[in-house]
Protein backbone atom coordinates (compact mmCIF):
# COMPACT_ATOMS: atom_id res chain seq x y z
CA MET A 1 39.64 -67.43 42.91
CA LYS A 2 37.09 -67.37 40.70
CA LYS A 3 38.03 -67.56 37.02
CA ASP A 4 35.18 -65.56 35.23
CA LYS A 5 32.68 -67.12 32.84
CA LYS A 6 33.01 -65.66 29.21
CA THR A 7 30.16 -64.27 28.14
CA LYS A 8 27.73 -65.89 25.34
CA ILE A 9 26.23 -63.64 22.87
CA THR A 10 22.10 -64.22 22.31
CA LYS A 11 19.54 -61.99 20.43
CA LYS A 12 18.58 -61.27 23.79
CA SER A 13 21.88 -60.17 25.07
CA THR A 14 22.96 -55.65 25.61
CA TYR A 15 25.99 -57.13 23.60
CA TYR A 16 23.83 -57.92 20.51
CA LYS A 17 21.68 -55.39 21.00
CA TRP A 18 24.25 -52.42 20.53
CA ILE A 19 25.50 -54.19 17.40
CA GLU A 20 22.78 -54.16 16.18
CA SER A 21 22.28 -50.99 16.70
CA VAL A 22 25.28 -49.68 15.40
CA GLY A 23 24.55 -51.52 11.74
CA ALA A 24 28.19 -52.04 11.88
CA ASN A 25 27.84 -55.41 10.76
CA VAL A 26 30.30 -56.92 12.74
CA LYS A 27 31.01 -59.31 14.62
CA ILE A 28 32.28 -58.50 18.17
CA TYR A 29 33.08 -61.10 20.60
CA PRO A 30 32.92 -59.57 23.85
CA CYS A 31 36.53 -60.84 26.23
CA GLU A 32 36.46 -61.99 29.79
CA HIS A 33 35.67 -58.57 31.67
CA GLU A 34 32.95 -58.06 29.55
CA LYS A 35 33.92 -55.85 26.96
CA VAL A 36 35.24 -55.59 23.13
CA ASP A 37 38.49 -56.99 21.93
CA TYR A 38 40.18 -54.66 20.23
CA LYS A 39 39.81 -56.29 16.44
CA SER A 40 36.32 -56.16 16.55
CA LEU A 41 36.74 -51.89 17.75
CA GLN A 42 38.61 -51.67 14.82
CA VAL A 43 37.34 -52.94 12.34
CA LEU A 44 34.02 -51.16 13.72
CA SER A 45 36.40 -47.87 13.75
CA ASP A 46 37.61 -48.32 10.15
CA LYS A 47 33.54 -48.48 8.84
CA GLN A 48 32.71 -45.30 11.12
CA HIS A 49 35.69 -43.45 9.27
CA GLU A 50 34.11 -44.62 5.82
CA GLU A 51 30.47 -43.62 6.64
CA ILE A 52 32.39 -40.10 8.02
CA LYS A 53 33.83 -39.91 4.79
CA LYS A 54 30.78 -40.48 2.74
CA LEU A 55 29.03 -37.86 5.01
CA ASN A 56 31.51 -35.12 4.28
CA GLN A 57 31.70 -35.91 0.56
CA ASP A 58 27.78 -35.51 0.64
CA LYS A 59 28.42 -32.41 2.36
CA GLU A 60 30.83 -30.68 -0.19
CA ASP A 61 28.61 -31.86 -3.00
CA LEU A 62 25.41 -30.55 -1.85
CA GLN A 63 27.44 -27.24 -1.11
CA VAL A 64 28.44 -27.56 -4.99
CA LYS A 65 25.23 -27.63 -5.75
CA LEU A 66 23.85 -24.72 -3.61
CA GLY A 67 26.97 -22.83 -4.95
CA GLU A 68 25.74 -23.39 -8.68
CA CYS A 69 22.26 -22.41 -7.62
CA VAL A 70 23.26 -19.15 -6.27
CA GLU A 71 25.11 -18.04 -9.30
CA GLN A 72 22.13 -19.14 -11.50
CA THR A 73 19.88 -17.31 -8.64
CA VAL A 74 22.54 -13.86 -9.45
CA LEU A 75 22.15 -14.64 -13.00
CA ASN A 76 18.38 -14.76 -12.89
CA ASN A 77 18.44 -11.31 -11.08
CA ASP A 78 20.54 -9.45 -13.37
CA SER A 79 18.88 -10.38 -16.67
CA TRP A 80 15.03 -9.50 -15.01
CA SER A 81 16.55 -6.23 -13.65
CA LYS A 82 17.93 -5.59 -17.10
CA LYS A 83 14.27 -6.26 -18.61
CA TYR A 84 12.70 -4.04 -15.99
CA GLU A 85 14.87 -1.25 -16.91
CA ARG A 86 14.04 -1.90 -20.67
CA MET A 87 10.32 -2.26 -20.25
CA ALA A 88 10.99 1.20 -17.90
CA LYS A 89 12.67 3.64 -20.58
CA LEU A 90 9.57 1.93 -22.66
CA TYR A 91 6.91 3.02 -20.22
CA VAL A 92 8.79 6.66 -19.78
CA GLY A 93 9.05 6.73 -23.55
CA TYR A 94 5.25 6.26 -24.38
CA LYS A 95 4.47 8.24 -21.14
CA ARG A 96 5.73 11.03 -23.19
CA LYS A 97 4.37 10.12 -26.37
CA TYR A 98 1.22 10.17 -25.28
CA ALA A 99 1.57 13.58 -23.63
CA SER A 100 3.21 15.68 -26.71
CA LEU A 101 -0.16 13.68 -28.42
CA PHE A 102 -2.34 15.06 -26.46
CA LYS A 103 -0.63 18.76 -26.24
CA LEU A 104 -1.48 18.29 -30.24
CA ARG A 105 -4.81 16.73 -29.95
CA LYS A 106 -5.40 20.02 -27.48
CA THR A 107 -4.25 22.60 -30.68
CA TYR A 108 -6.09 20.65 -33.07
CA GLU A 109 -9.42 21.46 -31.42
CA LYS A 110 -8.24 25.22 -30.89
CA MET A 111 -7.46 25.60 -34.30
CA GLU A 112 -11.14 23.00 -35.65
CA GLU A 113 -12.68 25.93 -33.80
CA ASP A 114 -11.26 29.12 -35.06
CA LYS A 115 -11.08 27.65 -38.63
CA PRO A 116 -13.29 24.33 -39.07
CA PHE A 117 -10.99 21.85 -41.81
CA THR A 118 -12.79 21.30 -45.18
CA GLU A 119 -13.67 17.89 -46.26
CA GLU A 120 -10.66 18.89 -49.46
CA GLU A 121 -8.31 18.92 -46.65
CA LYS A 122 -9.24 16.13 -44.54
CA LYS A 123 -9.13 13.87 -47.40
CA ALA A 124 -5.83 14.68 -48.25
CA ALA A 125 -4.55 14.08 -44.51
CA LYS A 126 -5.13 10.44 -45.07
CA ASP A 127 -2.51 10.09 -47.81
CA TYR A 128 0.41 11.32 -45.48
CA GLU A 129 1.96 8.76 -42.25
CA PHE A 130 1.99 10.55 -39.51
CA LYS A 131 5.17 9.51 -37.21
CA GLN A 132 6.32 11.38 -33.71
CA LYS A 133 9.55 11.40 -31.80
CA GLU A 134 10.44 12.53 -28.61
CA THR A 135 13.91 13.44 -27.24
CA GLN A 136 14.89 14.79 -24.21
CA LEU A 137 16.58 18.40 -23.56
CA GLU A 138 19.76 18.62 -21.25
CA SER A 139 17.64 21.12 -19.54
CA GLY A 140 15.22 18.17 -19.06
CA ARG A 141 12.89 19.37 -20.93
CA ILE A 142 11.40 17.33 -23.36
CA LYS A 143 11.30 18.38 -27.45
CA SER A 144 8.27 17.09 -29.69
CA GLU A 145 8.55 16.48 -33.04
CA PHE A 146 5.94 15.36 -35.61
CA PHE A 147 6.03 14.35 -39.34
CA LEU A 148 4.04 13.84 -41.86
CA THR A 149 5.11 11.22 -44.87
CA LYS A 150 3.56 10.85 -47.77
CA ARG A 151 2.15 7.02 -48.32
CA LYS A 152 3.34 5.28 -50.93
CA ARG A 153 0.46 3.74 -52.81
CA LYS A 154 0.84 -0.13 -53.88
CA LYS A 155 0.62 -1.22 -57.70
CA ASN A 156 -2.69 -2.09 -58.46
CA GLY A 157 -3.85 1.12 -56.82
CA LYS A 158 -3.92 -0.83 -53.39
C-alpha cells in the first residue's frame, strides 16, 4: 500500500479558502485523510458558539429597545387622545356659545325694529361687561345665561 501524502496548505488550496471565508482566524491543519483535525475543529466550534451568543445578546437588546419604543408610542397616543378630547370639548362649547349669541343677535335686531335704542342707552351699555354661560340639561336642551356686570373703572379716570 501506498502511504498518503500530507497535503500542504497554500493560499490556492481549498482548505485555505474555506478557512478564510469562515473568518475564524484559526490555524487548521488537515490530517492524512484530508479532513480537518479535531482540535482545530473544536476551536472553530467554540468561536461559533461565542458569535451565536453575541448575536443572541444583540437580538435581546433590540427586543428591549423595541419594547421601549412601543411603550413610548402607547404613552404618546394616550396623551394625544386626551388632548383631542379636550379640544373636542372646547369646540362643542364654542359652537354652543356661537349659536346662542346668534339667537341673541336675532332677538336684538327684532327689538331694535320694534323700539330703537337711544344714543344714551347705547352709551350706557358700554359701561357693562358681557359674559355668557352655556349648560346642557339632562333633557339634552342647552340653557344659555348672559350676565351683564358693571365695569370697574381704573384709577386716574382710565
